[in-house]
N, C-alpha and C. Protein backbone atom coordinates (compact mmCIF):
# COMPACT_ATOMS: atom_id res chain seq x y z
N UNK A 1 37.70 -184.34 -58.13
CA UNK A 1 38.49 -185.55 -58.20
C UNK A 1 37.88 -186.65 -57.31
N UNK A 2 37.50 -186.27 -56.07
CA UNK A 2 36.91 -187.24 -55.15
C UNK A 2 35.61 -187.79 -55.72
N UNK A 3 34.81 -186.91 -56.32
CA UNK A 3 33.55 -187.32 -56.90
C UNK A 3 33.79 -188.31 -58.03
N UNK A 4 34.75 -188.03 -58.89
CA UNK A 4 35.05 -188.93 -60.01
C UNK A 4 35.52 -190.28 -59.51
N UNK A 5 36.36 -190.28 -58.48
CA UNK A 5 36.86 -191.53 -57.92
C UNK A 5 35.71 -192.34 -57.31
N UNK A 6 34.81 -191.66 -56.61
CA UNK A 6 33.64 -192.32 -56.03
C UNK A 6 32.76 -192.94 -57.09
N UNK A 7 32.49 -192.18 -58.16
CA UNK A 7 31.65 -192.70 -59.24
C UNK A 7 32.32 -193.87 -59.96
N UNK A 8 33.63 -193.79 -60.12
CA UNK A 8 34.38 -194.89 -60.75
C UNK A 8 34.29 -196.15 -59.90
N UNK A 9 34.32 -196.00 -58.58
CA UNK A 9 34.19 -197.15 -57.68
C UNK A 9 32.88 -197.87 -57.94
N UNK A 10 31.80 -197.13 -58.08
CA UNK A 10 30.50 -197.75 -58.35
C UNK A 10 30.47 -198.40 -59.72
N UNK A 11 31.00 -197.73 -60.71
CA UNK A 11 31.00 -198.26 -62.08
C UNK A 11 31.77 -199.58 -62.15
N UNK A 12 32.96 -199.61 -61.56
CA UNK A 12 33.79 -200.81 -61.60
C UNK A 12 33.21 -201.97 -60.79
N UNK A 13 32.48 -201.64 -59.73
CA UNK A 13 31.92 -202.69 -58.87
C UNK A 13 30.60 -203.24 -59.40
N UNK A 14 29.97 -202.52 -60.34
CA UNK A 14 28.68 -202.96 -60.86
C UNK A 14 27.51 -202.60 -59.97
N UNK A 15 27.76 -201.75 -58.98
CA UNK A 15 26.70 -201.31 -58.06
C UNK A 15 26.11 -200.00 -58.56
N UNK A 16 24.90 -199.70 -58.11
CA UNK A 16 24.31 -198.39 -58.35
C UNK A 16 23.89 -197.81 -57.00
N UNK A 17 23.64 -196.52 -56.97
CA UNK A 17 23.27 -195.88 -55.71
C UNK A 17 22.24 -194.79 -55.98
N UNK A 18 21.52 -194.46 -54.93
CA UNK A 18 20.60 -193.32 -54.96
C UNK A 18 20.71 -192.63 -53.61
N UNK A 19 20.72 -191.32 -53.64
CA UNK A 19 20.80 -190.54 -52.41
C UNK A 19 19.69 -189.51 -52.43
N UNK A 20 18.81 -189.58 -51.44
CA UNK A 20 17.76 -188.59 -51.27
C UNK A 20 18.37 -187.43 -50.48
N UNK A 21 18.80 -186.40 -51.19
CA UNK A 21 19.48 -185.26 -50.56
C UNK A 21 18.60 -184.56 -49.53
N UNK A 22 17.28 -184.68 -49.67
CA UNK A 22 16.38 -183.96 -48.77
C UNK A 22 16.43 -184.50 -47.34
N UNK A 23 16.96 -185.69 -47.13
CA UNK A 23 17.01 -186.23 -45.77
C UNK A 23 18.27 -185.80 -45.02
N UNK A 24 19.24 -185.26 -45.73
CA UNK A 24 20.52 -184.91 -45.11
C UNK A 24 20.44 -183.57 -44.38
N UNK A 25 21.08 -183.52 -43.22
CA UNK A 25 21.13 -182.29 -42.43
C UNK A 25 22.59 -181.99 -42.09
N UNK A 26 22.82 -180.91 -41.37
CA UNK A 26 24.19 -180.55 -40.99
C UNK A 26 24.76 -181.46 -39.91
N UNK A 27 23.86 -182.00 -39.08
CA UNK A 27 24.27 -182.91 -38.01
C UNK A 27 23.33 -184.10 -38.02
N UNK A 28 23.92 -185.33 -37.97
CA UNK A 28 23.10 -186.53 -38.03
C UNK A 28 23.91 -187.76 -37.69
N UNK A 29 23.21 -188.79 -37.25
CA UNK A 29 23.80 -190.11 -37.11
C UNK A 29 23.30 -190.90 -38.32
N UNK A 30 24.23 -191.40 -39.12
CA UNK A 30 23.88 -192.18 -40.31
C UNK A 30 24.14 -193.64 -39.99
N UNK A 31 23.09 -194.47 -40.11
CA UNK A 31 23.26 -195.89 -39.87
C UNK A 31 23.17 -196.64 -41.19
N UNK A 32 23.88 -197.75 -41.27
CA UNK A 32 23.89 -198.51 -42.51
C UNK A 32 23.65 -199.98 -42.30
N UNK A 33 22.76 -200.51 -43.12
CA UNK A 33 22.48 -201.94 -43.18
C UNK A 33 22.56 -202.32 -44.65
N UNK A 34 22.86 -203.30 -45.07
CA UNK A 34 23.24 -204.53 -44.45
C UNK A 34 24.75 -204.62 -44.58
N UNK A 35 25.42 -204.93 -43.54
CA UNK A 35 26.88 -204.99 -43.57
C UNK A 35 27.29 -206.44 -43.82
N UNK A 36 27.66 -206.74 -45.06
CA UNK A 36 28.00 -208.12 -45.42
C UNK A 36 29.47 -208.30 -45.77
N UNK A 37 30.17 -207.21 -46.10
CA UNK A 37 31.58 -207.33 -46.45
C UNK A 37 32.24 -205.96 -46.35
N UNK A 38 33.54 -205.94 -46.54
CA UNK A 38 34.27 -204.67 -46.55
C UNK A 38 33.86 -203.81 -47.73
N UNK A 39 33.31 -204.44 -48.77
CA UNK A 39 32.88 -203.68 -49.94
C UNK A 39 31.80 -202.67 -49.55
N UNK A 40 30.97 -203.02 -48.56
CA UNK A 40 29.96 -202.08 -48.08
C UNK A 40 30.61 -200.79 -47.59
N UNK A 41 31.70 -200.93 -46.86
CA UNK A 41 32.40 -199.75 -46.35
C UNK A 41 33.00 -198.93 -47.49
N UNK A 42 33.59 -199.61 -48.47
CA UNK A 42 34.18 -198.93 -49.62
C UNK A 42 33.11 -198.15 -50.38
N UNK A 43 31.97 -198.79 -50.62
CA UNK A 43 30.89 -198.13 -51.35
C UNK A 43 30.29 -196.98 -50.56
N UNK A 44 30.19 -197.15 -49.24
CA UNK A 44 29.69 -196.06 -48.40
C UNK A 44 30.62 -194.86 -48.49
N UNK A 45 31.91 -195.12 -48.39
CA UNK A 45 32.88 -194.02 -48.51
C UNK A 45 32.77 -193.35 -49.87
N UNK A 46 32.52 -194.15 -50.92
CA UNK A 46 32.37 -193.58 -52.27
C UNK A 46 31.15 -192.65 -52.33
N UNK A 47 30.03 -193.07 -51.74
CA UNK A 47 28.84 -192.21 -51.72
C UNK A 47 29.14 -190.90 -51.01
N UNK A 48 29.82 -190.99 -49.89
CA UNK A 48 30.14 -189.77 -49.15
C UNK A 48 31.07 -188.86 -49.95
N UNK A 49 32.01 -189.44 -50.70
CA UNK A 49 32.90 -188.64 -51.54
C UNK A 49 32.13 -187.97 -52.67
N UNK A 50 31.24 -188.73 -53.32
CA UNK A 50 30.46 -188.19 -54.44
C UNK A 50 29.63 -187.00 -53.99
N UNK A 51 29.05 -187.09 -52.80
CA UNK A 51 28.16 -186.04 -52.31
C UNK A 51 28.85 -185.06 -51.35
N UNK A 52 30.17 -185.15 -51.27
CA UNK A 52 30.97 -184.24 -50.46
C UNK A 52 30.45 -184.16 -49.02
N UNK A 53 30.25 -185.33 -48.43
CA UNK A 53 29.79 -185.44 -47.04
C UNK A 53 30.97 -185.88 -46.19
N UNK A 54 31.42 -185.00 -45.30
CA UNK A 54 32.52 -185.35 -44.40
C UNK A 54 31.94 -186.18 -43.26
N UNK A 55 32.50 -187.36 -43.07
CA UNK A 55 31.97 -188.28 -42.07
C UNK A 55 32.98 -188.57 -40.97
N UNK A 56 32.44 -189.13 -39.89
CA UNK A 56 33.24 -189.61 -38.77
C UNK A 56 32.68 -190.97 -38.39
N UNK A 57 33.54 -191.82 -37.89
CA UNK A 57 33.09 -193.14 -37.45
C UNK A 57 33.92 -193.57 -36.24
N UNK A 58 33.32 -194.38 -35.41
CA UNK A 58 33.97 -194.83 -34.18
C UNK A 58 34.91 -196.00 -34.46
N UNK A 59 36.14 -195.87 -33.96
CA UNK A 59 37.14 -196.92 -34.14
C UNK A 59 37.89 -197.07 -32.83
N UNK A 60 38.13 -198.30 -32.39
CA UNK A 60 38.80 -198.47 -31.10
C UNK A 60 40.18 -197.82 -31.13
N UNK A 61 40.51 -197.15 -30.03
CA UNK A 61 41.72 -196.31 -29.97
C UNK A 61 43.00 -197.09 -30.19
N UNK A 62 42.98 -198.38 -29.92
CA UNK A 62 44.19 -199.18 -30.07
C UNK A 62 44.68 -199.24 -31.52
N UNK A 63 43.80 -198.97 -32.48
CA UNK A 63 44.20 -199.00 -33.89
C UNK A 63 44.89 -197.72 -34.33
N UNK A 64 44.82 -196.67 -33.52
CA UNK A 64 45.41 -195.38 -33.87
C UNK A 64 46.89 -195.35 -33.49
N UNK A 65 47.66 -196.25 -34.07
CA UNK A 65 49.09 -196.34 -33.81
C UNK A 65 49.83 -196.47 -35.12
N UNK A 66 51.07 -196.02 -35.13
CA UNK A 66 51.94 -196.18 -36.28
C UNK A 66 51.37 -195.61 -37.57
N UNK A 67 51.64 -196.27 -38.69
CA UNK A 67 51.24 -195.73 -39.99
C UNK A 67 49.72 -195.75 -40.22
N UNK A 68 49.00 -196.51 -39.43
CA UNK A 68 47.55 -196.56 -39.58
C UNK A 68 46.87 -195.30 -39.04
N UNK A 69 47.49 -194.65 -38.06
CA UNK A 69 46.88 -193.48 -37.42
C UNK A 69 46.49 -192.37 -38.41
N UNK A 70 47.40 -191.89 -39.26
CA UNK A 70 47.01 -190.80 -40.17
C UNK A 70 45.93 -191.22 -41.18
N UNK A 71 45.92 -192.48 -41.55
CA UNK A 71 44.90 -192.98 -42.48
C UNK A 71 43.54 -192.95 -41.81
N UNK A 72 43.47 -193.46 -40.58
CA UNK A 72 42.21 -193.48 -39.84
C UNK A 72 41.71 -192.07 -39.57
N UNK A 73 42.61 -191.16 -39.25
CA UNK A 73 42.22 -189.77 -39.03
C UNK A 73 41.70 -189.13 -40.31
N UNK A 74 42.34 -189.44 -41.42
CA UNK A 74 41.95 -188.86 -42.72
C UNK A 74 40.54 -189.29 -43.12
N UNK A 75 40.16 -190.53 -42.80
CA UNK A 75 38.82 -191.00 -43.18
C UNK A 75 37.77 -190.68 -42.11
N UNK A 76 38.15 -189.89 -41.10
CA UNK A 76 37.18 -189.45 -40.10
C UNK A 76 37.06 -190.37 -38.90
N UNK A 77 38.05 -191.20 -38.68
CA UNK A 77 38.02 -192.09 -37.53
C UNK A 77 38.10 -191.33 -36.21
N UNK A 78 37.30 -191.76 -35.26
CA UNK A 78 37.31 -191.18 -33.91
C UNK A 78 37.78 -192.27 -32.97
N UNK A 79 38.95 -192.07 -32.32
CA UNK A 79 39.42 -193.10 -31.39
C UNK A 79 38.51 -193.19 -30.17
N UNK A 80 38.07 -194.38 -29.87
CA UNK A 80 37.18 -194.60 -28.74
C UNK A 80 37.90 -195.42 -27.68
N UNK A 81 37.93 -194.88 -26.48
CA UNK A 81 38.51 -195.59 -25.34
C UNK A 81 37.37 -196.28 -24.60
N UNK A 82 37.25 -197.57 -24.80
CA UNK A 82 36.15 -198.33 -24.19
C UNK A 82 36.31 -198.45 -22.68
N UNK A 83 37.50 -198.16 -22.16
CA UNK A 83 37.75 -198.27 -20.72
C UNK A 83 37.60 -196.92 -20.01
N UNK A 84 37.31 -195.88 -20.79
CA UNK A 84 37.19 -194.53 -20.23
C UNK A 84 36.00 -194.44 -19.27
N UNK A 85 36.15 -193.57 -18.28
CA UNK A 85 35.05 -193.32 -17.35
C UNK A 85 33.89 -192.60 -18.05
N UNK A 86 34.20 -191.90 -19.13
CA UNK A 86 33.17 -191.16 -19.86
C UNK A 86 32.60 -192.08 -20.94
N UNK A 87 31.31 -192.29 -20.90
CA UNK A 87 30.70 -193.21 -21.85
C UNK A 87 30.72 -192.66 -23.27
N UNK A 88 30.59 -193.54 -24.24
CA UNK A 88 30.67 -193.17 -25.66
C UNK A 88 29.56 -192.21 -26.04
N UNK A 89 28.36 -192.40 -25.50
CA UNK A 89 27.26 -191.50 -25.82
C UNK A 89 27.64 -190.06 -25.44
N UNK A 90 28.15 -189.86 -24.25
CA UNK A 90 28.55 -188.51 -23.80
C UNK A 90 29.67 -187.95 -24.67
N UNK A 91 30.62 -188.80 -25.04
CA UNK A 91 31.71 -188.35 -25.90
C UNK A 91 31.17 -187.85 -27.24
N UNK A 92 30.21 -188.58 -27.81
CA UNK A 92 29.65 -188.20 -29.10
C UNK A 92 28.78 -186.95 -28.99
N UNK A 93 28.02 -186.82 -27.92
CA UNK A 93 27.21 -185.62 -27.71
C UNK A 93 28.13 -184.40 -27.66
N UNK A 94 29.26 -184.51 -26.97
CA UNK A 94 30.22 -183.40 -26.92
C UNK A 94 30.70 -183.02 -28.33
N UNK A 95 30.97 -184.03 -29.17
CA UNK A 95 31.42 -183.74 -30.54
C UNK A 95 30.32 -183.08 -31.37
N UNK A 96 29.09 -183.55 -31.22
CA UNK A 96 27.98 -182.91 -31.93
C UNK A 96 27.83 -181.45 -31.50
N UNK A 97 27.94 -181.20 -30.21
CA UNK A 97 27.75 -179.85 -29.69
C UNK A 97 28.89 -178.91 -30.07
N UNK A 98 30.09 -179.44 -30.24
CA UNK A 98 31.24 -178.58 -30.51
C UNK A 98 31.54 -178.40 -32.00
N UNK A 99 30.70 -178.97 -32.87
CA UNK A 99 30.91 -178.84 -34.31
C UNK A 99 29.66 -178.26 -34.97
N UNK A 100 29.89 -177.40 -35.97
CA UNK A 100 28.77 -176.83 -36.72
C UNK A 100 28.13 -177.86 -37.63
N UNK A 101 28.95 -178.74 -38.17
CA UNK A 101 28.47 -179.85 -39.00
C UNK A 101 29.13 -181.11 -38.48
N UNK A 102 28.35 -182.19 -38.37
CA UNK A 102 28.93 -183.43 -37.86
C UNK A 102 28.07 -184.61 -38.32
N UNK A 103 28.69 -185.53 -39.03
CA UNK A 103 28.03 -186.73 -39.53
C UNK A 103 28.71 -187.95 -38.93
N UNK A 104 28.02 -188.63 -38.03
CA UNK A 104 28.56 -189.82 -37.40
C UNK A 104 27.96 -191.03 -38.11
N UNK A 105 28.80 -191.87 -38.70
CA UNK A 105 28.35 -193.04 -39.44
C UNK A 105 28.59 -194.29 -38.60
N UNK A 106 27.54 -195.09 -38.45
CA UNK A 106 27.62 -196.31 -37.64
C UNK A 106 26.96 -197.46 -38.39
N UNK A 107 27.66 -198.59 -38.47
CA UNK A 107 27.04 -199.84 -38.90
C UNK A 107 26.78 -200.59 -37.60
N UNK A 108 25.53 -200.55 -37.11
CA UNK A 108 25.24 -201.14 -35.80
C UNK A 108 25.67 -202.60 -35.71
N UNK A 109 26.19 -202.95 -34.54
CA UNK A 109 26.58 -204.35 -34.33
C UNK A 109 25.39 -205.25 -34.57
N UNK A 110 25.67 -206.47 -35.02
CA UNK A 110 24.67 -207.50 -35.32
C UNK A 110 23.97 -207.23 -36.64
N UNK A 111 24.62 -206.45 -37.54
CA UNK A 111 24.01 -206.23 -38.84
C UNK A 111 24.30 -207.40 -39.79
N UNK A 112 25.15 -208.29 -39.39
CA UNK A 112 25.37 -209.48 -40.21
C UNK A 112 25.53 -210.69 -39.31
N UNK A 113 25.24 -211.86 -39.86
CA UNK A 113 25.31 -213.10 -39.09
C UNK A 113 26.41 -213.97 -39.67
N UNK A 114 26.95 -214.82 -38.82
CA UNK A 114 27.89 -215.81 -39.31
C UNK A 114 27.13 -216.75 -40.23
N UNK A 115 27.82 -217.29 -41.20
CA UNK A 115 27.18 -218.18 -42.17
C UNK A 115 26.41 -219.28 -41.45
N UNK A 116 25.15 -219.43 -41.81
CA UNK A 116 24.32 -220.49 -41.26
C UNK A 116 23.68 -220.17 -39.93
N UNK A 117 23.95 -219.00 -39.37
CA UNK A 117 23.36 -218.64 -38.08
C UNK A 117 22.31 -217.55 -38.26
N UNK A 118 21.36 -217.53 -37.35
CA UNK A 118 20.35 -216.48 -37.39
C UNK A 118 20.97 -215.15 -36.94
N UNK A 119 20.46 -214.09 -37.47
CA UNK A 119 20.93 -212.77 -37.05
C UNK A 119 20.47 -212.47 -35.65
N UNK A 120 21.30 -211.71 -34.95
CA UNK A 120 20.94 -211.23 -33.62
C UNK A 120 20.27 -209.87 -33.77
N UNK A 121 19.54 -209.45 -32.76
CA UNK A 121 18.97 -208.10 -32.81
C UNK A 121 20.08 -207.05 -32.85
N UNK A 122 19.82 -205.96 -33.55
CA UNK A 122 20.82 -204.89 -33.67
C UNK A 122 21.07 -204.24 -32.31
N UNK A 123 22.27 -203.71 -32.16
CA UNK A 123 22.61 -202.94 -30.97
C UNK A 123 22.06 -201.53 -31.16
N UNK A 124 21.73 -200.86 -30.09
CA UNK A 124 21.00 -199.59 -30.19
C UNK A 124 21.80 -198.36 -29.77
N UNK A 125 23.10 -198.46 -29.68
CA UNK A 125 23.90 -197.30 -29.29
C UNK A 125 23.69 -196.10 -30.20
N UNK A 126 23.50 -196.34 -31.50
CA UNK A 126 23.28 -195.25 -32.45
C UNK A 126 22.05 -194.42 -32.06
N UNK A 127 21.00 -195.11 -31.59
CA UNK A 127 19.77 -194.41 -31.20
C UNK A 127 20.03 -193.53 -29.98
N UNK A 128 20.74 -194.09 -29.00
CA UNK A 128 21.02 -193.34 -27.77
C UNK A 128 21.88 -192.11 -28.05
N UNK A 129 22.83 -192.24 -28.97
CA UNK A 129 23.67 -191.09 -29.35
C UNK A 129 22.81 -190.03 -30.01
N UNK A 130 22.00 -190.42 -31.00
CA UNK A 130 21.17 -189.45 -31.72
C UNK A 130 20.18 -188.77 -30.79
N UNK A 131 19.55 -189.54 -29.93
CA UNK A 131 18.56 -188.98 -28.99
C UNK A 131 19.21 -187.97 -28.05
N UNK A 132 20.36 -188.35 -27.46
CA UNK A 132 21.05 -187.46 -26.52
C UNK A 132 21.59 -186.20 -27.21
N UNK A 133 22.01 -186.34 -28.47
CA UNK A 133 22.57 -185.20 -29.20
C UNK A 133 21.47 -184.35 -29.85
N UNK A 134 20.24 -184.87 -29.90
CA UNK A 134 19.15 -184.13 -30.52
C UNK A 134 19.27 -184.04 -32.03
N UNK A 135 19.76 -185.11 -32.66
CA UNK A 135 19.95 -185.13 -34.12
C UNK A 135 19.16 -186.29 -34.72
N UNK A 136 18.85 -186.22 -36.02
CA UNK A 136 18.12 -187.31 -36.65
C UNK A 136 19.01 -188.52 -36.93
N UNK A 137 18.34 -189.63 -37.15
CA UNK A 137 19.00 -190.86 -37.60
C UNK A 137 18.68 -190.99 -39.09
N UNK A 138 19.71 -190.98 -39.92
CA UNK A 138 19.56 -191.09 -41.37
C UNK A 138 19.83 -192.53 -41.77
N UNK A 139 19.00 -193.04 -42.67
CA UNK A 139 19.05 -194.45 -43.05
C UNK A 139 19.79 -194.64 -44.38
N UNK A 140 20.78 -195.51 -44.33
CA UNK A 140 21.60 -195.83 -45.49
C UNK A 140 21.55 -197.34 -45.69
N UNK A 141 21.70 -197.79 -46.92
CA UNK A 141 21.65 -199.23 -47.14
C UNK A 141 22.64 -199.67 -48.21
N UNK A 142 22.95 -200.96 -48.14
CA UNK A 142 23.73 -201.64 -49.16
C UNK A 142 23.11 -203.03 -49.29
N UNK A 143 22.55 -203.32 -50.45
CA UNK A 143 21.91 -204.61 -50.67
C UNK A 143 22.76 -205.40 -51.66
N UNK A 144 23.50 -206.38 -51.14
CA UNK A 144 24.43 -207.13 -51.98
C UNK A 144 23.72 -207.99 -53.02
N UNK A 145 22.47 -208.37 -52.76
CA UNK A 145 21.72 -209.18 -53.74
C UNK A 145 21.36 -208.37 -54.97
N UNK A 146 20.96 -207.11 -54.77
CA UNK A 146 20.56 -206.27 -55.90
C UNK A 146 21.68 -205.36 -56.38
N UNK A 147 22.78 -205.30 -55.62
CA UNK A 147 23.91 -204.42 -55.90
C UNK A 147 23.46 -202.95 -55.98
N UNK A 148 22.61 -202.59 -55.02
CA UNK A 148 22.14 -201.21 -54.93
C UNK A 148 22.39 -200.69 -53.52
N UNK A 149 22.62 -199.40 -53.44
CA UNK A 149 22.82 -198.79 -52.14
C UNK A 149 22.40 -197.35 -52.18
N UNK A 150 22.39 -196.73 -51.00
CA UNK A 150 22.06 -195.33 -50.98
C UNK A 150 21.59 -194.84 -49.63
N UNK A 151 21.10 -193.62 -49.64
CA UNK A 151 20.56 -192.96 -48.45
C UNK A 151 19.11 -192.62 -48.79
N UNK A 152 18.17 -193.04 -47.92
CA UNK A 152 16.78 -192.95 -48.34
C UNK A 152 15.80 -192.39 -47.32
N UNK A 153 16.15 -192.24 -46.08
CA UNK A 153 15.16 -191.78 -45.11
C UNK A 153 15.79 -191.34 -43.81
N UNK A 154 14.94 -190.83 -42.92
CA UNK A 154 15.42 -190.44 -41.60
C UNK A 154 14.26 -190.46 -40.62
N UNK A 155 14.65 -190.57 -39.36
CA UNK A 155 13.68 -190.43 -38.27
C UNK A 155 14.32 -189.54 -37.20
N UNK A 156 13.47 -188.91 -36.42
CA UNK A 156 13.93 -188.15 -35.27
C UNK A 156 13.62 -189.00 -34.04
N UNK A 157 14.64 -189.38 -33.28
CA UNK A 157 14.41 -190.30 -32.16
C UNK A 157 13.52 -189.70 -31.07
N UNK A 158 12.53 -190.51 -30.68
CA UNK A 158 11.62 -190.10 -29.61
C UNK A 158 11.42 -191.24 -28.61
N UNK A 159 11.04 -192.42 -29.11
CA UNK A 159 10.78 -193.58 -28.27
C UNK A 159 11.52 -194.77 -28.88
N UNK A 160 12.39 -195.39 -28.10
CA UNK A 160 13.26 -196.45 -28.63
C UNK A 160 12.48 -197.54 -29.35
N UNK A 161 11.50 -198.14 -28.69
CA UNK A 161 10.79 -199.27 -29.30
C UNK A 161 10.05 -198.87 -30.57
N UNK A 162 9.35 -197.74 -30.52
CA UNK A 162 8.62 -197.28 -31.70
C UNK A 162 9.57 -196.92 -32.83
N UNK A 163 10.67 -196.28 -32.49
CA UNK A 163 11.64 -195.87 -33.52
C UNK A 163 12.29 -197.08 -34.18
N UNK A 164 12.65 -198.09 -33.39
CA UNK A 164 13.24 -199.30 -33.97
C UNK A 164 12.25 -200.01 -34.89
N UNK A 165 10.99 -200.06 -34.48
CA UNK A 165 9.96 -200.67 -35.33
C UNK A 165 9.82 -199.89 -36.64
N UNK A 166 9.88 -198.57 -36.56
CA UNK A 166 9.78 -197.74 -37.76
C UNK A 166 11.01 -197.91 -38.65
N UNK A 167 12.20 -197.99 -38.07
CA UNK A 167 13.42 -198.22 -38.85
C UNK A 167 13.31 -199.56 -39.57
N UNK A 168 12.87 -200.59 -38.87
CA UNK A 168 12.69 -201.91 -39.48
C UNK A 168 11.71 -201.83 -40.66
N UNK A 169 10.59 -201.14 -40.44
CA UNK A 169 9.57 -201.01 -41.49
C UNK A 169 10.13 -200.28 -42.71
N UNK A 170 10.83 -199.17 -42.47
CA UNK A 170 11.37 -198.39 -43.58
C UNK A 170 12.40 -199.17 -44.39
N UNK A 171 13.27 -199.89 -43.70
CA UNK A 171 14.26 -200.71 -44.43
C UNK A 171 13.57 -201.78 -45.26
N UNK A 172 12.61 -202.44 -44.69
CA UNK A 172 11.88 -203.50 -45.41
C UNK A 172 11.16 -202.92 -46.63
N UNK A 173 10.47 -201.80 -46.42
CA UNK A 173 9.69 -201.18 -47.49
C UNK A 173 10.59 -200.66 -48.62
N UNK A 174 11.66 -199.98 -48.28
CA UNK A 174 12.49 -199.31 -49.28
C UNK A 174 13.53 -200.24 -49.92
N UNK A 175 14.06 -201.16 -49.14
CA UNK A 175 15.19 -201.95 -49.64
C UNK A 175 14.93 -203.45 -49.71
N UNK A 176 13.89 -203.90 -49.03
CA UNK A 176 13.63 -205.34 -48.96
C UNK A 176 14.45 -206.02 -47.87
N UNK A 177 15.33 -205.27 -47.19
CA UNK A 177 16.15 -205.84 -46.14
C UNK A 177 15.32 -205.99 -44.86
N UNK A 178 15.51 -207.10 -44.18
CA UNK A 178 14.75 -207.38 -42.96
C UNK A 178 15.72 -207.39 -41.78
N UNK A 179 15.77 -206.28 -41.05
CA UNK A 179 16.68 -206.21 -39.91
C UNK A 179 15.96 -206.76 -38.68
N UNK A 180 16.75 -207.28 -37.76
CA UNK A 180 16.21 -207.85 -36.52
C UNK A 180 16.39 -206.81 -35.42
N UNK A 181 15.29 -206.48 -34.76
CA UNK A 181 15.37 -205.47 -33.70
C UNK A 181 15.15 -206.17 -32.36
N UNK A 182 15.63 -205.57 -31.27
CA UNK A 182 15.40 -206.15 -29.94
C UNK A 182 13.91 -206.16 -29.62
N UNK A 183 13.52 -207.08 -28.76
CA UNK A 183 12.13 -207.11 -28.32
C UNK A 183 11.80 -205.83 -27.58
N UNK A 184 10.56 -205.38 -27.74
CA UNK A 184 10.13 -204.14 -27.10
C UNK A 184 10.22 -204.27 -25.58
N UNK A 185 10.71 -203.23 -24.94
CA UNK A 185 10.84 -203.23 -23.48
C UNK A 185 9.58 -202.70 -22.81
N UNK A 186 8.75 -202.00 -23.58
CA UNK A 186 7.55 -201.39 -23.01
C UNK A 186 6.37 -202.34 -22.96
N UNK A 187 6.54 -203.58 -23.42
CA UNK A 187 5.39 -204.48 -23.42
C UNK A 187 5.34 -205.36 -22.21
């Protein structure tokens, strides 16, 4: 049923998708570019439903109240206390270590720009989580111009600057999307 609903979402939206199953593992941080609208989130959820991938995503804890709480929990929301003494990276490493399978999905901040403004470099928390947890970073995309999306590659984090350059190259090569990365710190 979930698979049919996911496929119907793509059919009705006019989008297509491709998923390279060989890049998926039992534990991974999945990042997604380009985040241009809420439709990206809907289509991402549809892909995960079609391929029976249980996901988790970070959501500020203040939203886990009232009738929204069970909905956020059902879609894999993880309440994050930004004021906690324990940093988010450590919290996520604990979750990776305590689960046999764990897929953390992140749309890194700065994946979209306000109309007419240049994009800012992406935030790198996803890399720090993957590196500390010892899991790969899986690359997902949504290209609103071509109405195509999917999962297409992965890297194993080793060196921040080199890995960001490789992520940028892979996105450009596979999707045509040009993400902005922070300037290298090693130069």
